[in-house]
Amino acid sequence: MDYKKIFKSQKLRFFILRMLFWVPDSIMLKIQYKVKMNRCLDLKKPKRFTEKIQHYKMYYRNAEMLPCTDKYQVRQFVESRVGNKYLNELLGVYADATEINWSELPAKFVLKTTDGGGGENVIICKDKSTLEINETIKRLNSWRNKGSSSLSREWAYEQATSLIIAEAFLENIDDPENSIDDYKFFCFNGKVECLVVDIDRYIGHKRNFYDNNWNNLNIATDCLCFDKEKSKPDNFEEMVDVAEKLSEGFPFVRVDLYNINGRILFGELTFYPWSGYVQFTPDEFDFALGSKFRLDY
């Protein structure tokens, strides 16, 4: 069932989910899983990765997750584990968009809310002189305190602050018009098992899966694979080391990193990628990835 074709408006979908706040998580997750995955969710003996993500939402409670899901607080977590050299430059922190001193920001920058997720609640400014400031202020403030994480019953995101941060704009010197590549490491108990590489996110988004030795796994999702094989970064082992240090102590977390002209930068930590609603092709990969996910918590 493609529920988005039935309820085309995102606002309507969010409204319906908010009206169902009283439904227990165990029931709501089963309903959402059935609607989105077209199969039943087994929370008692989950085997699939997508099932175990739902179990993770339900039962795993670790206070260390909370700062990791806040785009401002996570900086301190990263610095404590791997140092600040992997952090992007922070240009400002604001309780309200009206506090932003636009004259102090460079020509290019990124604005985001600290409780945004899934690539949402982000404004990328490539030319400040063309930015509609009043409209930008309205957009930023409208994103704050929405609490959309509760719609997916994602416990770790429900206590994030709702501040606004400005960061340096990241770009490839050799290809400034295109997006930077995103390396997403799937880590289980502090060990990288595989990763996703996302390219061309703004012009024909494509995605490939690799194992931890950079062998293409030929896995497809809702995003096209890219045909031209990508070379392993020269500092790939350092990227793996950073991902494993950041993921230590968690049964599962996806560590997102950038590699820009040889410089590794932290992106974010994601405990429930795709909120656990993703179709893998072949389907066996869901079980293979699930076998790495231990639920002994």
C-alpha atoms as a PDB file:
ATOM      1  CA  MET A   1       0.000   0.000   0.000  1.00  0.00           C
ATOM      2  CA  ASP A   2       1.376   3.413  -0.974  1.00  0.00           C
ATOM      3  CA  TYR A   3      -0.212   5.484   1.801  1.00  0.00           C
ATOM      4  CA  LYS A   4       1.296   8.682   0.389  1.00  0.00           C
ATOM      5  CA  LYS A   5      -0.924   8.346  -2.673  1.00  0.00           C
ATOM      6  CA  ILE A   6      -3.977   8.052  -0.429  1.00  0.00           C
ATOM      7  CA  PHE A   7      -2.969  10.893   1.899  1.00  0.00           C
ATOM      8  CA  LYS A   8      -0.964  13.146  -0.408  1.00  0.00           C
ATOM      9  CA  SER A   9      -0.621  16.020   2.041  1.00  0.00           C
ATOM     10  CA  GLN A  10       2.207  15.645   4.572  1.00  0.00           C
ATOM     11  CA  LYS A  11       0.354  18.000   6.911  1.00  0.00           C
ATOM     12  CA  LEU A  12      -2.669  15.708   6.792  1.00  0.00           C
ATOM     13  CA  ARG A  13      -0.528  12.627   7.471  1.00  0.00           C
ATOM     14  CA  PHE A  14       1.102  14.349  10.459  1.00  0.00           C
ATOM     15  CA  PHE A  15      -2.297  15.505  11.722  1.00  0.00           C
ATOM     16  CA  ILE A  16      -3.661  11.946  11.618  1.00  0.00           C
ATOM     17  CA  LEU A  17      -0.622  10.600  13.460  1.00  0.00           C
ATOM     18  CA  ARG A  18      -0.874  13.296  16.128  1.00  0.00           C
ATOM     19  CA  MET A  19      -4.517  12.409  16.670  1.00  0.00           C
ATOM     20  CA  LEU A  20      -3.386   8.836  17.324  1.00  0.00           C
ATOM     21  CA  PHE A  21      -0.895   9.806  20.048  1.00  0.00           C
ATOM     22  CA  TRP A  22      -2.872   7.786  22.595  1.00  0.00           C
ATOM     23  CA  VAL A  23      -2.298   4.495  20.748  1.00  0.00           C
ATOM     24  CA  PRO A  24       0.443   2.446  22.522  1.00  0.00           C
ATOM     25  CA  ASP A  25       3.792   2.288  20.737  1.00  0.00           C
ATOM     26  CA  SER A  26       3.629  -1.488  20.275  1.00  0.00           C
ATOM     27  CA  ILE A  27       0.335  -1.191  18.397  1.00  0.00           C
ATOM     28  CA  MET A  28       1.200   1.955  16.454  1.00  0.00           C
ATOM     29  CA  LEU A  29       4.502   0.553  15.234  1.00  0.00           C
ATOM     30  CA  LYS A  30       2.752  -2.584  14.002  1.00  0.00           C
ATOM     31  CA  ILE A  31       0.208  -0.477  12.134  1.00  0.00           C
ATOM     32  CA  GLN A  32       2.868   1.739  10.552  1.00  0.00           C
ATOM     33  CA  TYR A  33       5.047  -1.231   9.641  1.00  0.00           C
ATOM     34  CA  LYS A  34       2.124  -2.999   7.966  1.00  0.00           C
ATOM     35  CA  VAL A  35       1.111   0.112   6.038  1.00  0.00           C
ATOM     36  CA  LYS A  36       4.619   1.028   4.921  1.00  0.00           C
ATOM     37  CA  MET A  37       6.192  -2.425   4.459  1.00  0.00           C
ATOM     38  CA  ASN A  38       3.103  -4.471   3.525  1.00  0.00           C
ATOM     39  CA  ARG A  39       3.934  -7.189   6.027  1.00  0.00           C
ATOM     40  CA  CYS A  40       3.404  -7.885   9.708  1.00  0.00           C
ATOM     41  CA  LEU A  41       5.862  -6.763  12.364  1.00  0.00           C
ATOM     42  CA  ASP A  42       7.204  -9.385  14.762  1.00  0.00           C
ATOM     43  CA  LEU A  43       8.350  -7.649  17.952  1.00  0.00           C
ATOM     44  CA  LYS A  44       8.703 -10.845  19.991  1.00  0.00           C
ATOM     45  CA  LYS A  45      11.205 -12.598  17.716  1.00  0.00           C
ATOM     46  CA  PRO A  46      12.360 -10.012  15.186  1.00  0.00           C
ATOM     47  CA  LYS A  47      14.813 -11.219  12.555  1.00  0.00           C
ATOM     48  CA  ARG A  48      14.877  -8.443  10.001  1.00  0.00           C
ATOM     49  CA  PHE A  49      16.909  -5.264  10.438  1.00  0.00           C
ATOM     50  CA  THR A  50      13.751  -3.240   9.800  1.00  0.00           C
ATOM     51  CA  GLU A  51      11.944  -5.171  12.546  1.00  0.00           C
ATOM     52  CA  LYS A  52      14.783  -4.752  15.009  1.00  0.00           C
ATOM     53  CA  ILE A  53      14.751  -0.991  14.455  1.00  0.00           C
ATOM     54  CA  GLN A  54      11.142  -1.000  15.663  1.00  0.00           C
ATOM     55  CA  HIS A  55      12.189  -3.113  18.671  1.00  0.00           C
ATOM     56  CA  TYR A  56      15.010  -0.595  19.281  1.00  0.00           C
ATOM     57  CA  LYS A  57      12.464   2.232  19.352  1.00  0.00           C
ATOM     58  CA  MET A  58      10.307   0.347  21.806  1.00  0.00           C
ATOM     59  CA  TYR A  59      12.750  -1.007  24.340  1.00  0.00           C
ATOM     60  CA  TYR A  60      16.246   0.483  24.167  1.00  0.00           C
ATOM     61  CA  ARG A  61      16.672   3.374  26.583  1.00  0.00           C
ATOM     62  CA  ASN A  62      20.160   4.778  26.940  1.00  0.00           C
ATOM     63  CA  ALA A  63      20.591   8.343  28.178  1.00  0.00           C
ATOM     64  CA  GLU A  64      23.763   8.702  26.100  1.00  0.00           C
ATOM     65  CA  MET A  65      21.601   8.625  22.962  1.00  0.00           C
ATOM     66  CA  LEU A  66      19.872  11.904  23.861  1.00  0.00           C
ATOM     67  CA  PRO A  67      22.699  14.399  23.204  1.00  0.00           C
ATOM     68  CA  CYS A  68      23.653  12.400  20.109  1.00  0.00           C
ATOM     69  CA  THR A  69      20.367  13.250  18.400  1.00  0.00           C
ATOM     70  CA  ASP A  70      20.657  16.978  19.085  1.00  0.00           C
ATOM     71  CA  LYS A  71      22.601  18.742  16.333  1.00  0.00           C
ATOM     72  CA  TYR A  72      24.206  21.142  18.806  1.00  0.00           C
ATOM     73  CA  GLN A  73      24.802  18.908  21.816  1.00  0.00           C
ATOM     74  CA  VAL A  74      26.274  16.139  19.667  1.00  0.00           C
ATOM     75  CA  ARG A  75      29.297  18.326  18.998  1.00  0.00           C
ATOM     76  CA  GLN A  76      30.448  17.858  22.594  1.00  0.00           C
ATOM     77  CA  PHE A  77      29.913  14.094  22.303  1.00  0.00           C
ATOM     78  CA  VAL A  78      32.025  13.939  19.132  1.00  0.00           C
ATOM     79  CA  GLU A  79      34.766  16.068  20.646  1.00  0.00           C
ATOM     80  CA  SER A  80      34.929  13.835  23.729  1.00  0.00           C
ATOM     81  CA  ARG A  81      35.415  10.711  21.618  1.00  0.00           C
ATOM     82  CA  VAL A  82      37.485  11.732  18.585  1.00  0.00           C
ATOM     83  CA  GLY A  83      38.440  15.381  19.086  1.00  0.00           C
ATOM     84  CA  ASN A  84      37.152  18.549  17.471  1.00  0.00           C
ATOM     85  CA  LYS A  85      39.112  18.269  14.216  1.00  0.00           C
ATOM     86  CA  TYR A  86      36.245  16.277  12.696  1.00  0.00           C
ATOM     87  CA  LEU A  87      33.640  18.954  13.472  1.00  0.00           C
ATOM     88  CA  ASN A  88      32.386  21.470  10.953  1.00  0.00           C
ATOM     89  CA  GLU A  89      32.851  25.131  11.880  1.00  0.00           C
ATOM     90  CA  LEU A  90      30.038  26.463  14.070  1.00  0.00           C
ATOM     91  CA  LEU A  91      29.061  30.025  13.101  1.00  0.00           C
ATOM     92  CA  GLY A  92      26.287  30.679  15.592  1.00  0.00           C
ATOM     93  CA  VAL A  93      23.612  29.307  17.926  1.00  0.00           C
ATOM     94  CA  TYR A  94      20.228  31.018  18.295  1.00  0.00           C
ATOM     95  CA  ALA A  95      17.107  30.488  20.394  1.00  0.00           C
ATOM     96  CA  ASP A  96      15.059  32.298  17.744  1.00  0.00           C
ATOM     97  CA  ALA A  97      15.731  33.179  14.103  1.00  0.00           C
ATOM     98  CA  THR A  98      15.221  36.870  14.859  1.00  0.00           C
ATOM     99  CA  GLU A  99      18.476  36.742  16.868  1.00  0.00           C
ATOM    100  CA  ILE A 100      20.599  35.979  13.795  1.00  0.00           C
ATOM    101  CA  ASN A 101      23.050  38.747  12.936  1.00  0.00           C
ATOM    102  CA  TRP A 102      23.115  38.298   9.182  1.00  0.00           C
ATOM    103  CA  SER A 103      26.016  40.692   8.667  1.00  0.00           C
ATOM    104  CA  GLU A 104      28.266  38.374  10.687  1.00  0.00           C
ATOM    105  CA  LEU A 105      27.561  35.338   8.491  1.00  0.00           C
ATOM    106  CA  PRO A 106      29.764  34.632   5.454  1.00  0.00           C
ATOM    107  CA  ALA A 107      28.488  34.623   1.867  1.00  0.00           C
ATOM    108  CA  LYS A 108      27.784  30.873   2.086  1.00  0.00           C
ATOM    109  CA  PHE A 109      26.446  29.018   5.118  1.00  0.00           C
ATOM    110  CA  VAL A 110      23.949  26.422   6.360  1.00  0.00           C
ATOM    111  CA  LEU A 111      21.130  26.973   8.843  1.00  0.00           C
ATOM    112  CA  LYS A 112      19.335  24.130  10.610  1.00  0.00           C
ATOM    113  CA  THR A 113      17.226  23.416  13.649  1.00  0.00           C
ATOM    114  CA  THR A 114      18.816  21.189  16.257  1.00  0.00           C
ATOM    115  CA  ASP A 115      15.797  18.866  16.377  1.00  0.00           C
ATOM    116  CA  GLY A 116      15.438  18.350  12.622  1.00  0.00           C
ATOM    117  CA  GLY A 117      15.954  14.923  11.067  1.00  0.00           C
ATOM    118  CA  GLY A 118      15.967  13.029   7.811  1.00  0.00           C
ATOM    119  CA  GLY A 119      17.648  15.882   5.953  1.00  0.00           C
ATOM    120  CA  GLU A 120      14.745  18.215   6.757  1.00  0.00           C
ATOM    121  CA  ASN A 121      14.748  21.596   8.528  1.00  0.00           C
ATOM    122  CA  VAL A 122      17.878  22.711   6.680  1.00  0.00           C
ATOM    123  CA  ILE A 123      18.491  25.871   4.654  1.00  0.00           C
ATOM    124  CA  ILE A 124      21.537  25.912   2.405  1.00  0.00           C
ATOM    125  CA  CYS A 125      22.601  29.410   1.428  1.00  0.00           C
ATOM    126  CA  LYS A 126      25.097  29.652  -1.438  1.00  0.00           C
ATOM    127  CA  ASP A 127      24.753  33.412  -1.874  1.00  0.00           C
ATOM    128  CA  LYS A 128      23.694  35.570   1.069  1.00  0.00           C
ATOM    129  CA  SER A 129      23.008  38.545  -1.192  1.00  0.00           C
ATOM    130  CA  THR A 130      20.045  36.715  -2.757  1.00  0.00           C
ATOM    131  CA  LEU A 131      18.625  35.326   0.479  1.00  0.00           C
ATOM    132  CA  GLU A 132      15.101  36.411   1.428  1.00  0.00           C
ATOM    133  CA  ILE A 133      15.840  37.084   5.094  1.00  0.00           C
ATOM    134  CA  ASN A 134      12.290  37.672   6.337  1.00  0.00           C
ATOM    135  CA  GLU A 135      11.054  34.492   4.652  1.00  0.00           C
ATOM    136  CA  THR A 136      14.038  32.563   6.034  1.00  0.00           C
ATOM    137  CA  ILE A 137      13.246  33.748   9.569  1.00  0.00           C
ATOM    138  CA  LYS A 138       9.638  32.592   9.186  1.00  0.00           C
ATOM    139  CA  ARG A 139      10.684  29.179   7.863  1.00  0.00           C
ATOM    140  CA  LEU A 140      13.224  28.570  10.612  1.00  0.00           C
ATOM    141  CA  ASN A 141      10.855  29.524  13.409  1.00  0.00           C
ATOM    142  CA  SER A 142       8.023  27.463  11.903  1.00  0.00           C
ATOM    143  CA  TRP A 143      10.222  24.355  12.084  1.00  0.00           C
ATOM    144  CA  ARG A 144      10.974  24.659  15.784  1.00  0.00           C
ATOM    145  CA  ASN A 145       9.238  22.556  18.436  1.00  0.00           C
ATOM    146  CA  LYS A 146       7.260  20.462  15.984  1.00  0.00           C
ATOM    147  CA  GLY A 147       7.952  17.211  17.815  1.00  0.00           C
ATOM    148  CA  SER A 148       7.619  15.150  14.610  1.00  0.00           C
ATOM    149  CA  SER A 149       9.910  12.447  16.044  1.00  0.00           C
ATOM    150  CA  SER A 150       7.062  11.295  18.264  1.00  0.00           C
ATOM    151  CA  LEU A 151       5.033  10.497  15.152  1.00  0.00           C
ATOM    152  CA  SER A 152       7.438   7.664  14.392  1.00  0.00           C
ATOM    153  CA  ARG A 153       7.724   6.783  18.102  1.00  0.00           C
ATOM    154  CA  GLU A 154      11.472   7.484  18.067  1.00  0.00           C
ATOM    155  CA  TRP A 155      12.343   7.847  21.747  1.00  0.00           C
ATOM    156  CA  ALA A 156      15.899   9.096  21.302  1.00  0.00           C
ATOM    157  CA  TYR A 157      14.768  12.228  19.445  1.00  0.00           C
ATOM    158  CA  GLU A 158      11.984  13.353  21.726  1.00  0.00           C
ATOM    159  CA  GLN A 159      14.163  15.425  24.061  1.00  0.00           C
ATOM    160  CA  ALA A 160      16.276  17.292  21.519  1.00  0.00           C
ATOM    161  CA  THR A 161      16.513  21.054  21.962  1.00  0.00           C
ATOM    162  CA  SER A 162      14.867  23.285  19.377  1.00  0.00           C
ATOM    163  CA  LEU A 163      17.592  25.815  18.711  1.00  0.00           C
ATOM    164  CA  ILE A 164      18.900  27.117  15.404  1.00  0.00           C
ATOM    165  CA  ILE A 165      22.538  26.713  14.438  1.00  0.00           C
ATOM    166  CA  ALA A 166      24.604  28.154  11.607  1.00  0.00           C
ATOM    167  CA  GLU A 167      27.490  26.134  10.195  1.00  0.00           C
ATOM    168  CA  ALA A 168      30.050  26.588   7.461  1.00  0.00           C
ATOM    169  CA  PHE A 169      28.928  25.607   3.968  1.00  0.00           C
ATOM    170  CA  LEU A 170      30.753  22.488   2.792  1.00  0.00           C
ATOM    171  CA  GLU A 171      31.613  21.986  -0.873  1.00  0.00           C
ATOM    172  CA  ASN A 172      33.974  20.108  -3.126  1.00  0.00           C
ATOM    173  CA  ILE A 173      36.536  22.412  -4.669  1.00  0.00           C
ATOM    174  CA  ASP A 174      36.619  20.280  -7.842  1.00  0.00           C
ATOM    175  CA  ASP A 175      32.815  20.143  -8.194  1.00  0.00           C
ATOM    176  CA  PRO A 176      31.284  23.122  -6.354  1.00  0.00           C
ATOM    177  CA  GLU A 177      27.906  22.882  -8.119  1.00  0.00           C
ATOM    178  CA  ASN A 178      27.144  19.366  -6.896  1.00  0.00           C
ATOM    179  CA  SER A 179      26.484  18.063  -3.389  1.00  0.00           C
ATOM    180  CA  ILE A 180      29.247  16.525  -1.316  1.00  0.00           C
ATOM    181  CA  ASP A 181      29.276  12.741  -1.001  1.00  0.00           C
ATOM    182  CA  ASP A 182      27.801  11.295   2.180  1.00  0.00           C
ATOM    183  CA  TYR A 183      29.304   8.169   3.786  1.00  0.00           C
ATOM    184  CA  LYS A 184      26.912   6.432   6.188  1.00  0.00           C
ATOM    185  CA  PHE A 185      28.501   3.707   8.316  1.00  0.00           C
ATOM    186  CA  PHE A 186      26.231   1.022   9.806  1.00  0.00           C
ATOM    187  CA  CYS A 187      27.821   0.203  13.154  1.00  0.00           C
ATOM    188  CA  PHE A 188      26.816  -2.628  15.487  1.00  0.00           C
ATOM    189  CA  ASN A 189      28.336  -2.630  18.979  1.00  0.00           C
ATOM    190  CA  GLY A 190      31.163  -0.397  17.839  1.00  0.00           C
ATOM    191  CA  LYS A 191      32.005  -2.293  14.644  1.00  0.00           C
ATOM    192  CA  VAL A 192      31.396  -1.145  11.079  1.00  0.00           C
ATOM    193  CA  GLU A 193      29.615  -3.868   9.100  1.00  0.00           C
ATOM    194  CA  CYS A 194      28.751  -1.936   5.946  1.00  0.00           C
ATOM    195  CA  LEU A 195      28.164   1.553   4.648  1.00  0.00           C
ATOM    196  CA  VAL A 196      26.034   3.535   2.252  1.00  0.00           C
ATOM    197  CA  VAL A 197      27.476   6.138  -0.090  1.00  0.00           C
ATOM    198  CA  ASP A 198      25.017   8.810  -1.228  1.00  0.00           C
ATOM    199  CA  ILE A 199      25.939  10.976  -4.216  1.00  0.00           C
ATOM    200  CA  ASP A 200      24.247  13.667  -6.313  1.00  0.00           C
ATOM    201  CA  ARG A 201      21.646  14.361  -3.644  1.00  0.00           C
ATOM    202  CA  TYR A 202      20.394  17.491  -5.423  1.00  0.00           C
ATOM    203  CA  ILE A 203      20.479  16.271  -9.039  1.00  0.00           C
ATOM    204  CA  GLY A 204      19.433  12.646  -9.336  1.00  0.00           C
ATOM    205  CA  HIS A 205      20.189  11.197  -5.902  1.00  0.00           C
ATOM    206  CA  LYS A 206      21.919   7.781  -6.101  1.00  0.00           C
ATOM    207  CA  ARG A 207      23.086   5.307  -3.472  1.00  0.00           C
ATOM    208  CA  ASN A 208      25.388   2.278  -3.256  1.00  0.00           C
ATOM    209  CA  PHE A 209      26.038  -0.168  -0.406  1.00  0.00           C
ATOM    210  CA  TYR A 210      29.562  -1.403   0.380  1.00  0.00           C
ATOM    211  CA  ASP A 211      30.953  -3.819   2.949  1.00  0.00           C
ATOM    212  CA  ASN A 212      33.716  -2.726   5.307  1.00  0.00           C
ATOM    213  CA  ASN A 213      36.333  -3.762   2.724  1.00  0.00           C
ATOM    214  CA  TRP A 214      34.757  -1.532   0.048  1.00  0.00           C
ATOM    215  CA  ASN A 215      33.179  -4.342  -1.957  1.00  0.00           C
ATOM    216  CA  ASN A 216      29.960  -3.293  -3.688  1.00  0.00           C
ATOM    217  CA  LEU A 217      27.099  -5.283  -2.157  1.00  0.00           C
ATOM    218  CA  ASN A 218      24.723  -4.539  -5.068  1.00  0.00           C
ATOM    219  CA  ILE A 219      21.855  -3.616  -2.767  1.00  0.00           C
ATOM    220  CA  ALA A 220      19.027  -1.387  -3.920  1.00  0.00           C
ATOM    221  CA  THR A 221      16.508   0.610  -1.880  1.00  0.00           C
ATOM    222  CA  ASP A 222      14.053   3.318  -2.892  1.00  0.00           C
ATOM    223  CA  CYS A 223      17.004   5.203  -4.376  1.00  0.00           C
ATOM    224  CA  LEU A 224      18.763   4.369  -7.646  1.00  0.00           C
ATOM    225  CA  CYS A 225      22.227   2.822  -7.535  1.00  0.00           C
ATOM    226  CA  PHE A 226      25.033   4.616  -9.337  1.00  0.00           C
ATOM    227  CA  ASP A 227      26.636   2.781 -12.245  1.00  0.00           C
ATOM    228  CA  LYS A 228      30.114   4.248 -12.252  1.00  0.00           C
ATOM    229  CA  GLU A 229      32.111   2.568  -9.510  1.00  0.00           C
ATOM    230  CA  LYS A 230      33.462   4.904  -6.875  1.00  0.00           C
ATOM    231  CA  SER A 231      37.031   4.633  -5.649  1.00  0.00           C
ATOM    232  CA  LYS A 232      37.671   3.912  -2.001  1.00  0.00           C
ATOM    233  CA  PRO A 233      38.868   7.077  -0.219  1.00  0.00           C
ATOM    234  CA  ASP A 234      42.581   7.064   0.588  1.00  0.00           C
ATOM    235  CA  ASN A 235      41.768   7.675   4.253  1.00  0.00           C
ATOM    236  CA  PHE A 236      38.962   5.107   4.398  1.00  0.00           C
ATOM    237  CA  GLU A 237      40.550   3.277   7.345  1.00  0.00           C
ATOM    238  CA  GLU A 238      40.546   6.525   9.328  1.00  0.00           C
ATOM    239  CA  MET A 239      36.865   6.992   8.514  1.00  0.00           C
ATOM    240  CA  VAL A 240      36.133   3.494   9.808  1.00  0.00           C
ATOM    241  CA  ASP A 241      38.136   4.223  12.961  1.00  0.00           C
ATOM    242  CA  VAL A 242      36.179   7.445  13.604  1.00  0.00           C
ATOM    243  CA  ALA A 243      32.849   5.674  13.007  1.00  0.00           C
ATOM    244  CA  GLU A 244      33.720   2.839  15.375  1.00  0.00           C
ATOM    245  CA  LYS A 245      34.860   5.178  18.146  1.00  0.00           C
ATOM    246  CA  LEU A 246      31.658   7.211  17.864  1.00  0.00           C
ATOM    247  CA  SER A 247      29.451   4.110  17.817  1.00  0.00           C
ATOM    248  CA  GLU A 248      31.057   2.304  20.746  1.00  0.00           C
ATOM    249  CA  GLY A 249      28.561   1.358  23.429  1.00  0.00           C
ATOM    250  CA  PHE A 250      25.459   1.337  21.237  1.00  0.00           C
ATOM    251  CA  PRO A 251      23.863  -1.859  19.865  1.00  0.00           C
ATOM    252  CA  PHE A 252      23.370   0.024  16.614  1.00  0.00           C
ATOM    253  CA  VAL A 253      23.946   3.505  15.242  1.00  0.00           C
ATOM    254  CA  ARG A 254      24.596   4.838  11.768  1.00  0.00           C
ATOM    255  CA  VAL A 255      27.515   7.262  11.703  1.00  0.00           C
ATOM    256  CA  ASP A 256      27.405   9.756   8.841  1.00  0.00           C
ATOM    257  CA  LEU A 257      30.675  11.306   7.693  1.00  0.00           C
ATOM    258  CA  TYR A 258      31.836  13.526   4.855  1.00  0.00           C
ATOM    259  CA  ASN A 259      35.179  13.270   3.086  1.00  0.00           C
ATOM    260  CA  ILE A 260      35.924  16.575   1.403  1.00  0.00           C
ATOM    261  CA  ASN A 261      39.207  16.858  -0.453  1.00  0.00           C
ATOM    262  CA  GLY A 262      40.719  14.358   1.980  1.00  0.00           C
ATOM    263  CA  ARG A 263      39.301  15.973   5.120  1.00  0.00           C
ATOM    264  CA  ILE A 264      36.922  13.847   7.224  1.00  0.00           C
ATOM    265  CA  LEU A 265      34.031  15.721   8.829  1.00  0.00           C
ATOM    266  CA  PHE A 266      31.247  14.530  11.088  1.00  0.00           C
ATOM    267  CA  GLY A 267      27.687  14.646   9.764  1.00  0.00           C
ATOM    268  CA  GLU A 268      25.330  13.078  12.285  1.00  0.00           C
ATOM    269  CA  LEU A 269      24.430   9.999  14.317  1.00  0.00           C
ATOM    270  CA  THR A 270      21.237   8.192  13.339  1.00  0.00           C
ATOM    271  CA  PHE A 271      19.738   5.489  15.537  1.00  0.00           C
ATOM    272  CA  TYR A 272      16.688   4.692  13.408  1.00  0.00           C
ATOM    273  CA  PRO A 273      17.654   5.099   9.719  1.00  0.00           C
ATOM    274  CA  TRP A 274      14.641   5.460   7.431  1.00  0.00           C
ATOM    275  CA  SER A 275      12.710   5.011  10.717  1.00  0.00           C
ATOM    276  CA  GLY A 276      13.079   1.298   9.950  1.00  0.00           C
ATOM    277  CA  TYR A 277      10.781   1.500   6.931  1.00  0.00           C
ATOM    278  CA  VAL A 278      12.952   0.637   3.938  1.00  0.00           C
ATOM    279  CA  GLN A 279      12.619  -2.100   1.329  1.00  0.00           C
ATOM    280  CA  PHE A 280      15.909  -3.768   0.425  1.00  0.00           C
ATOM    281  CA  THR A 281      16.480  -5.557  -2.873  1.00  0.00           C
ATOM    282  CA  PRO A 282      17.247  -8.379  -2.576  1.00  0.00           C
ATOM    283  CA  ASP A 283      15.036  -8.869   0.470  1.00  0.00           C
ATOM    284  CA  GLU A 284      17.593 -11.221   2.056  1.00  0.00           C
ATOM    285  CA  PHE A 285      19.737  -8.229   2.946  1.00  0.00           C
ATOM    286  CA  ASP A 286      17.139  -7.227   5.549  1.00  0.00           C
ATOM    287  CA  PHE A 287      17.795 -10.546   7.324  1.00  0.00           C
ATOM    288  CA  ALA A 288      21.577 -10.386   6.801  1.00  0.00           C
ATOM    289  CA  LEU A 289      21.776  -6.935   8.346  1.00  0.00           C
ATOM    290  CA  GLY A 290      19.374  -7.984  11.072  1.00  0.00           C
ATOM    291  CA  SER A 291      21.687 -10.854  12.054  1.00  0.00           C
ATOM    292  CA  LYS A 292      24.315  -8.279  13.056  1.00  0.00           C
ATOM    293  CA  PHE A 293      21.869  -6.472  15.341  1.00  0.00           C
ATOM    294  CA  ARG A 294      21.947  -8.010  18.833  1.00  0.00           C
ATOM    295  CA  LEU A 295      19.003  -7.218  21.071  1.00  0.00           C
ATOM    296  CA  ASP A 296      20.622  -8.254  24.334  1.00  0.00           C
ATOM    297  CA  TYR A 297      19.782  -5.040  26.130  1.00  0.00           C
END
